[in-house]
């Protein structure tokens, strides 16, 4: 089943955005950049959640759909400078995103100022217009 704009639904869970700093504290990391540049992390990545699912029991209306990034990984990218024959490529030394996981969600308005991001499996159809 595909939900349409204006469908009345009940939601069991929604995606809530979380901060990276809280996750770093739980890992016991003070400085992410320094940690990723350390010898222990050489060639390895660190995964972070951008959204987590939270339990709820609300009724609302479908107001749209989006694709959101729910997880991503960071790593330290370092490459020596090298000669290309035409010129020299500069040294690369940066923290970059290696990969990410995306999820299609419905936007559900539960109140005038609340729009929840909800996965298909967490929606129960109540009625339409």
Protein backbone atom coordinates (compact mmCIF):
# COMPACT_ATOMS: atom_id res chain seq x y z
CA UNK A 1 0.00 0.00 0.00
CA UNK A 2 1.18 3.50 -0.78
CA UNK A 3 0.01 6.35 1.40
CA UNK A 4 -1.39 9.52 -0.16
CA UNK A 5 -1.28 13.11 1.04
CA UNK A 6 -3.96 13.71 3.66
CA UNK A 7 -4.32 10.07 4.78
CA UNK A 8 -5.03 9.78 8.49
CA UNK A 9 -2.59 7.36 10.15
CA UNK A 10 -1.42 6.11 13.53
CA UNK A 11 2.35 5.94 14.05
CA UNK A 12 4.18 3.56 16.41
CA UNK A 13 7.76 4.84 15.93
CA UNK A 14 9.41 7.83 14.32
CA UNK A 15 12.97 8.85 13.39
CA UNK A 16 14.46 11.39 15.84
CA UNK A 17 17.68 13.22 14.99
CA UNK A 18 20.55 12.74 17.45
CA UNK A 19 23.78 14.63 17.90
CA UNK A 20 27.23 13.37 17.04
CA UNK A 21 28.69 14.82 20.25
CA UNK A 22 26.56 12.54 22.43
CA UNK A 23 27.77 9.50 20.52
CA UNK A 24 31.39 10.62 20.87
CA UNK A 25 30.95 10.90 24.65
CA UNK A 26 29.55 7.36 24.80
CA UNK A 27 32.65 6.10 22.91
CA UNK A 28 34.89 8.07 25.30
CA UNK A 29 36.30 10.31 22.54
CA UNK A 30 37.05 13.98 23.22
CA UNK A 31 38.41 15.03 19.81
CA UNK A 32 37.03 13.18 16.75
CA UNK A 33 39.59 14.53 14.30
CA UNK A 34 42.52 13.55 16.52
CA UNK A 35 41.00 10.08 17.09
CA UNK A 36 40.52 9.44 13.35
CA UNK A 37 44.12 10.54 12.66
CA UNK A 38 45.52 8.17 15.35
CA UNK A 39 47.50 5.03 14.52
CA UNK A 40 44.71 2.83 15.94
CA UNK A 41 42.24 4.14 13.36
CA UNK A 42 44.56 4.06 10.34
CA UNK A 43 42.54 2.74 7.39
CA UNK A 44 39.45 2.20 9.57
CA UNK A 45 36.10 4.01 9.68
CA UNK A 46 33.77 5.10 12.47
CA UNK A 47 29.99 4.79 12.10
CA UNK A 48 27.60 7.37 13.54
CA UNK A 49 23.81 7.45 13.70
CA UNK A 50 22.12 10.58 12.44
CA UNK A 51 18.59 9.41 13.32
CA UNK A 52 17.30 6.78 15.73
CA UNK A 53 13.82 5.28 16.07
CA UNK A 54 11.77 6.39 19.06
CA UNK A 55 8.56 4.73 20.34
CA UNK A 56 5.35 6.78 20.20
CA UNK A 57 1.60 6.43 19.82
CA UNK A 58 0.29 9.38 17.82
CA UNK A 59 -2.29 10.08 15.15
CA UNK A 60 -1.53 12.40 12.26
CA UNK A 61 -1.82 13.16 8.57
CA UNK A 62 0.58 12.24 5.76
CA UNK A 63 2.05 15.51 4.43
CA UNK A 64 4.90 14.26 2.24
CA UNK A 65 7.80 11.88 1.81
CA UNK A 66 11.57 12.22 1.89
CA UNK A 67 14.77 10.22 1.80
CA UNK A 68 16.92 10.78 4.89
CA UNK A 69 20.45 9.76 5.82
CA UNK A 70 20.18 7.58 8.95
CA UNK A 71 23.84 6.47 9.37
CA UNK A 72 27.20 7.56 8.01
CA UNK A 73 30.86 6.65 8.41
CA UNK A 74 33.90 8.93 8.68
CA UNK A 75 37.55 8.20 8.05
CA UNK A 76 40.88 9.98 7.76
CA UNK A 77 41.90 10.26 4.08
CA UNK A 78 45.61 10.84 3.59
CA UNK A 79 47.62 10.62 0.35
CA UNK A 80 51.16 11.75 -0.48
CA UNK A 81 51.77 14.37 -3.15
CA UNK A 82 52.64 12.76 -6.51
CA UNK A 83 53.77 13.82 -9.95
CA UNK A 84 51.23 13.28 -12.74
CA UNK A 85 53.56 14.20 -15.59
CA UNK A 86 51.69 17.45 -16.17
CA UNK A 87 52.09 18.78 -12.66
CA UNK A 88 52.11 17.75 -9.06
CA UNK A 89 48.97 16.67 -7.22
CA UNK A 90 48.96 18.17 -3.73
CA UNK A 91 48.99 16.12 -0.56
CA UNK A 92 45.54 15.13 0.70
CA UNK A 93 44.95 15.22 4.47
CA UNK A 94 41.26 15.41 5.41
CA UNK A 95 38.42 13.79 7.33
CA UNK A 96 35.75 12.60 4.90
CA UNK A 97 32.56 10.61 4.76
CA UNK A 98 33.16 7.14 3.36
CA UNK A 99 29.61 5.81 3.08
CA UNK A 100 26.06 6.32 4.32
CA UNK A 101 22.74 4.53 4.73
CA UNK A 102 19.53 6.16 3.52
CA UNK A 103 15.88 5.41 4.27
CA UNK A 104 12.66 6.52 2.56
CA UNK A 105 10.25 8.00 5.11
CA UNK A 106 6.83 9.58 5.20
CA UNK A 107 6.33 12.98 6.82
CA UNK A 108 3.45 12.82 9.28
CA UNK A 109 2.03 15.98 10.87
CA UNK A 110 0.90 15.04 14.37
CA UNK A 111 0.35 18.60 15.63
CA UNK A 112 0.52 22.04 14.09
CA UNK A 113 4.25 22.30 14.85
CA UNK A 114 5.35 18.62 14.78
CA UNK A 115 6.28 16.79 11.60
CA UNK A 116 7.53 13.27 12.26
CA UNK A 117 9.72 11.23 9.90
CA UNK A 118 8.15 7.76 9.88
CA UNK A 119 9.10 4.50 8.13
CA UNK A 120 6.44 2.63 6.17
CA UNK A 121 6.43 -0.32 8.60
CA UNK A 122 5.61 1.96 11.56
CA UNK A 123 2.42 3.39 10.04
CA UNK A 124 -1.13 2.07 10.45
CA UNK A 125 -3.78 3.43 8.07
CA UNK A 126 -6.88 4.88 9.77
CA UNK A 127 -8.68 6.69 6.94
CA UNK A 128 -8.52 9.09 4.04
CA UNK A 129 -10.36 12.22 2.94
